[in-house]
Amino acid sequence: TDVQRIQINALKSRKNGNISANKLLRLYALYYNKGWSKKLGDTGYFIAKKDTCTDEWKVFYHTSVTYPGLAYFKNEGDAKKVIDTLSEDVLNRLYTDL
């Protein structure tokens, strides 16, 4: 599947030392969004830790702001799929690999 191809290409790139966890998340967003990109006023979903005391990852959304460097998803369900797909190690590196 296309998602498996993203993972394989990312793993190959990671092996060469040139992909961060955030770039991998952006690849997923690019795939799922199919050309959509968040603009001010659009609702965009993103992945973040629920709080700093837990390892629980959740989907949040922005409507009135857009932060550079944050991978936004058009649909909440797609962001949830990515949480389920990525390993805990990759998720934990999301905001340290920027």
N, C-alpha and C. Protein backbone atom coordinates (compact mmCIF):
# COMPACT_ATOMS: atom_id res chain seq x y z
N THR A 1 0.84 -1.19 0.00
CA THR A 1 0.00 0.00 0.00
C THR A 1 0.88 1.25 0.00
N ASP A 2 0.24 2.39 -0.22
CA ASP A 2 0.99 3.65 -0.24
C ASP A 2 1.61 3.96 1.12
N VAL A 3 0.88 3.65 2.19
CA VAL A 3 1.41 3.90 3.53
C VAL A 3 2.65 3.05 3.77
N GLN A 4 2.63 1.81 3.32
CA GLN A 4 3.80 0.95 3.47
C GLN A 4 4.98 1.51 2.67
N ARG A 5 4.71 2.05 1.49
CA ARG A 5 5.77 2.66 0.69
C ARG A 5 6.38 3.87 1.40
N ILE A 6 5.53 4.66 2.06
CA ILE A 6 6.04 5.80 2.83
C ILE A 6 6.98 5.30 3.92
N GLN A 7 6.55 4.26 4.63
CA GLN A 7 7.37 3.71 5.71
C GLN A 7 8.69 3.16 5.18
N ILE A 8 8.64 2.43 4.09
CA ILE A 8 9.86 1.84 3.51
C ILE A 8 10.81 2.94 3.06
N ASN A 9 10.31 3.95 2.35
CA ASN A 9 11.16 5.05 1.90
C ASN A 9 11.73 5.82 3.08
N ALA A 10 10.92 6.02 4.10
CA ALA A 10 11.40 6.73 5.29
C ALA A 10 12.49 5.93 6.00
N LEU A 11 12.30 4.62 6.09
CA LEU A 11 13.30 3.78 6.73
C LEU A 11 14.61 3.80 5.95
N LYS A 12 14.52 3.75 4.63
CA LYS A 12 15.72 3.83 3.80
C LYS A 12 16.43 5.16 4.01
N SER A 13 15.66 6.25 4.05
CA SER A 13 16.24 7.57 4.27
C SER A 13 16.84 7.67 5.66
N ARG A 14 16.14 7.11 6.65
CA ARG A 14 16.64 7.15 8.04
C ARG A 14 17.95 6.39 8.15
N LYS A 15 18.04 5.28 7.41
CA LYS A 15 19.26 4.48 7.41
C LYS A 15 20.44 5.33 6.93
N ASN A 16 20.15 6.23 6.00
CA ASN A 16 21.19 7.13 5.49
C ASN A 16 21.36 8.35 6.39
N GLY A 17 20.58 8.42 7.45
CA GLY A 17 20.72 9.50 8.43
C GLY A 17 20.12 10.82 8.02
N ASN A 18 19.14 10.83 7.11
CA ASN A 18 18.67 12.12 6.63
C ASN A 18 17.15 12.32 6.75
N ILE A 19 16.51 11.67 7.70
CA ILE A 19 15.09 11.96 7.91
C ILE A 19 14.82 12.03 9.41
N SER A 20 14.09 13.04 9.80
CA SER A 20 13.72 13.20 11.20
C SER A 20 12.31 12.65 11.40
N ALA A 21 11.94 12.48 12.64
CA ALA A 21 10.58 12.02 12.95
C ALA A 21 9.55 13.02 12.43
N ASN A 22 9.87 14.31 12.53
CA ASN A 22 8.94 15.33 12.05
C ASN A 22 8.76 15.25 10.53
N LYS A 23 9.84 14.97 9.81
CA LYS A 23 9.74 14.82 8.36
C LYS A 23 8.88 13.61 8.01
N LEU A 24 9.02 12.54 8.78
CA LEU A 24 8.19 11.36 8.55
C LEU A 24 6.73 11.71 8.76
N LEU A 25 6.42 12.46 9.80
CA LEU A 25 5.05 12.88 10.06
C LEU A 25 4.53 13.73 8.91
N ARG A 26 5.38 14.59 8.37
CA ARG A 26 4.97 15.42 7.22
C ARG A 26 4.69 14.57 5.98
N LEU A 27 5.45 13.49 5.80
CA LEU A 27 5.17 12.59 4.68
C LEU A 27 3.80 11.96 4.82
N TYR A 28 3.47 11.54 6.03
CA TYR A 28 2.13 11.00 6.26
C TYR A 28 1.06 12.05 5.97
N ALA A 29 1.27 13.27 6.44
CA ALA A 29 0.30 14.34 6.21
C ALA A 29 0.15 14.61 4.71
N LEU A 30 1.25 14.62 4.01
CA LEU A 30 1.21 14.84 2.56
C LEU A 30 0.38 13.75 1.88
N TYR A 31 0.59 12.52 2.29
CA TYR A 31 -0.16 11.41 1.72
C TYR A 31 -1.65 11.51 2.03
N TYR A 32 -1.99 11.68 3.28
CA TYR A 32 -3.40 11.70 3.67
C TYR A 32 -4.13 12.95 3.22
N ASN A 33 -3.46 14.08 3.16
CA ASN A 33 -4.12 15.34 2.80
C ASN A 33 -4.40 15.49 1.32
N LYS A 34 -3.72 14.73 0.49
CA LYS A 34 -3.94 14.74 -0.96
C LYS A 34 -4.03 16.16 -1.55
N GLY A 35 -3.00 16.97 -1.23
CA GLY A 35 -2.93 18.31 -1.80
C GLY A 35 -3.45 19.42 -0.91
N TRP A 36 -4.17 19.09 0.13
CA TRP A 36 -4.70 20.12 1.05
C TRP A 36 -3.58 20.63 1.94
N SER A 37 -3.56 21.93 2.17
CA SER A 37 -2.64 22.49 3.17
C SER A 37 -3.42 23.50 4.00
N LYS A 38 -3.13 23.53 5.27
CA LYS A 38 -3.87 24.37 6.20
C LYS A 38 -3.62 25.84 5.93
N LYS A 39 -4.70 26.59 5.92
CA LYS A 39 -4.64 28.04 5.81
C LYS A 39 -5.37 28.61 7.02
N LEU A 40 -5.09 29.84 7.35
CA LEU A 40 -5.74 30.50 8.48
C LEU A 40 -7.25 30.43 8.32
N GLY A 41 -7.94 29.96 9.34
CA GLY A 41 -9.39 29.79 9.29
C GLY A 41 -9.81 28.36 9.03
N ASP A 42 -8.93 27.57 8.43
CA ASP A 42 -9.20 26.13 8.23
C ASP A 42 -8.93 25.40 9.54
N THR A 43 -9.67 24.35 9.78
CA THR A 43 -9.35 23.49 10.91
C THR A 43 -8.31 22.48 10.46
N GLY A 44 -7.21 22.43 11.18
CA GLY A 44 -6.15 21.47 10.90
C GLY A 44 -5.85 20.68 12.16
N TYR A 45 -5.72 19.38 12.02
CA TYR A 45 -5.49 18.48 13.15
C TYR A 45 -4.00 18.15 13.25
N PHE A 46 -3.49 18.06 14.46
CA PHE A 46 -2.08 17.75 14.65
C PHE A 46 -1.92 16.81 15.83
N ILE A 47 -0.77 16.17 15.89
CA ILE A 47 -0.47 15.17 16.92
C ILE A 47 0.44 15.79 17.97
N ALA A 48 0.07 15.60 19.23
CA ALA A 48 0.91 16.09 20.33
C ALA A 48 0.63 15.24 21.57
N LYS A 49 1.53 15.34 22.55
CA LYS A 49 1.30 14.64 23.81
C LYS A 49 0.14 15.30 24.55
N LYS A 50 -0.65 14.47 25.22
CA LYS A 50 -1.77 14.99 25.99
C LYS A 50 -1.28 15.97 27.05
N ASP A 51 -0.24 15.60 27.77
CA ASP A 51 0.44 16.50 28.70
C ASP A 51 1.84 15.95 28.95
N THR A 52 2.65 16.70 29.62
CA THR A 52 4.05 16.30 29.79
C THR A 52 4.22 15.18 30.81
N CYS A 53 3.19 14.87 31.56
CA CYS A 53 3.29 13.83 32.60
C CYS A 53 2.96 12.43 32.09
N THR A 54 2.43 12.33 30.87
CA THR A 54 2.05 11.01 30.35
C THR A 54 2.69 10.79 28.99
N ASP A 55 2.64 9.56 28.54
CA ASP A 55 3.12 9.24 27.20
C ASP A 55 1.97 9.10 26.22
N GLU A 56 0.82 9.60 26.59
CA GLU A 56 -0.36 9.47 25.74
C GLU A 56 -0.35 10.53 24.65
N TRP A 57 -0.47 10.08 23.40
CA TRP A 57 -0.50 10.97 22.24
C TRP A 57 -1.94 11.16 21.82
N LYS A 58 -2.30 12.38 21.48
CA LYS A 58 -3.68 12.69 21.10
C LYS A 58 -3.68 13.58 19.87
N VAL A 59 -4.86 13.73 19.30
CA VAL A 59 -5.05 14.63 18.17
C VAL A 59 -5.71 15.91 18.70
N PHE A 60 -5.11 17.03 18.36
CA PHE A 60 -5.64 18.34 18.72
C PHE A 60 -5.91 19.10 17.42
N TYR A 61 -6.51 20.27 17.52
CA TYR A 61 -6.74 21.04 16.30
C TYR A 61 -6.52 22.53 16.52
N HIS A 62 -6.19 23.19 15.42
CA HIS A 62 -6.07 24.65 15.36
C HIS A 62 -7.02 25.12 14.26
N THR A 63 -7.66 26.24 14.49
CA THR A 63 -8.46 26.87 13.45
C THR A 63 -7.97 28.28 13.18
N SER A 64 -7.79 29.05 14.25
CA SER A 64 -7.46 30.46 14.07
C SER A 64 -5.96 30.73 14.00
N VAL A 65 -5.15 29.70 14.17
CA VAL A 65 -3.69 29.87 14.06
C VAL A 65 -3.10 28.74 13.21
N THR A 66 -1.95 29.01 12.66
CA THR A 66 -1.18 28.00 11.93
C THR A 66 0.27 28.17 12.35
N TYR A 67 0.84 27.11 12.92
CA TYR A 67 2.23 27.18 13.37
C TYR A 67 3.16 26.56 12.31
N PRO A 68 4.20 27.29 11.92
CA PRO A 68 5.15 26.73 10.97
C PRO A 68 5.84 25.50 11.56
N GLY A 69 6.08 24.53 10.74
CA GLY A 69 6.77 23.32 11.18
C GLY A 69 5.87 22.25 11.76
N LEU A 70 4.61 22.59 12.00
CA LEU A 70 3.67 21.61 12.55
C LEU A 70 2.98 20.90 11.39
N ALA A 71 2.95 19.58 11.43
CA ALA A 71 2.30 18.81 10.37
C ALA A 71 0.81 18.75 10.67
N TYR A 72 0.01 19.38 9.82
CA TYR A 72 -1.43 19.41 9.98
C TYR A 72 -2.10 18.38 9.07
N PHE A 73 -3.14 17.76 9.58
CA PHE A 73 -3.95 16.83 8.81
C PHE A 73 -5.32 17.44 8.57
N LYS A 74 -5.87 17.18 7.41
CA LYS A 74 -7.19 17.71 7.07
C LYS A 74 -8.28 17.02 7.89
N ASN A 75 -8.09 15.73 8.17
CA ASN A 75 -9.09 14.94 8.87
C ASN A 75 -8.53 14.39 10.18
N GLU A 76 -9.33 14.48 11.22
CA GLU A 76 -8.93 13.97 12.53
C GLU A 76 -8.63 12.47 12.48
N GLY A 77 -9.44 11.73 11.74
CA GLY A 77 -9.26 10.28 11.64
C GLY A 77 -7.92 9.88 11.05
N ASP A 78 -7.43 10.67 10.09
CA ASP A 78 -6.13 10.38 9.49
C ASP A 78 -5.01 10.57 10.51
N ALA A 79 -5.11 11.62 11.30
CA ALA A 79 -4.10 11.86 12.34
C ALA A 79 -4.12 10.72 13.36
N LYS A 80 -5.30 10.22 13.70
CA LYS A 80 -5.41 9.09 14.63
C LYS A 80 -4.77 7.83 14.05
N LYS A 81 -4.94 7.62 12.74
CA LYS A 81 -4.32 6.46 12.09
C LYS A 81 -2.80 6.53 12.21
N VAL A 82 -2.26 7.73 12.09
CA VAL A 82 -0.81 7.90 12.16
C VAL A 82 -0.31 7.59 13.57
N ILE A 83 -1.04 8.02 14.59
CA ILE A 83 -0.67 7.69 15.98
C ILE A 83 -0.61 6.17 16.13
N ASP A 84 -1.60 5.49 15.57
CA ASP A 84 -1.65 4.03 15.68
C ASP A 84 -0.55 3.35 14.87
N THR A 85 -0.07 4.00 13.82
CA THR A 85 0.92 3.42 12.92
C THR A 85 2.35 3.62 13.41
N LEU A 86 2.66 4.80 13.93
CA LEU A 86 4.03 5.12 14.31
C LEU A 86 4.39 4.48 15.65
N SER A 87 5.64 4.12 15.79
CA SER A 87 6.11 3.54 17.05
C SER A 87 6.22 4.62 18.12
N GLU A 88 6.22 4.20 19.35
CA GLU A 88 6.37 5.13 20.48
C GLU A 88 7.69 5.89 20.36
N ASP A 89 8.74 5.21 19.89
CA ASP A 89 10.04 5.84 19.72
C ASP A 89 9.96 7.02 18.75
N VAL A 90 9.30 6.81 17.61
CA VAL A 90 9.17 7.88 16.62
C VAL A 90 8.33 9.01 17.18
N LEU A 91 7.22 8.67 17.81
CA LEU A 91 6.36 9.71 18.40
C LEU A 91 7.13 10.55 19.42
N ASN A 92 7.92 9.90 20.24
CA ASN A 92 8.67 10.62 21.27
C ASN A 92 9.74 11.54 20.67
N ARG A 93 10.17 11.25 19.45
CA ARG A 93 11.17 12.09 18.79
C ARG A 93 10.56 13.24 17.98
N LEU A 94 9.23 13.28 17.89
CA LEU A 94 8.59 14.27 17.03
C LEU A 94 9.03 15.70 17.34
N TYR A 95 9.09 16.04 18.60
CA TYR A 95 9.37 17.42 18.95
C TYR A 95 10.79 17.63 19.45
N THR A 96 11.62 16.60 19.30
CA THR A 96 13.04 16.78 19.63
C THR A 96 13.88 16.78 18.36
N ASP A 97 13.32 16.33 17.24
CA ASP A 97 14.07 16.26 15.97
C ASP A 97 13.91 17.51 15.11
N LEU A 98 13.23 18.53 15.59
CA LEU A 98 12.95 19.70 14.76
C LEU A 98 14.22 20.42 14.37
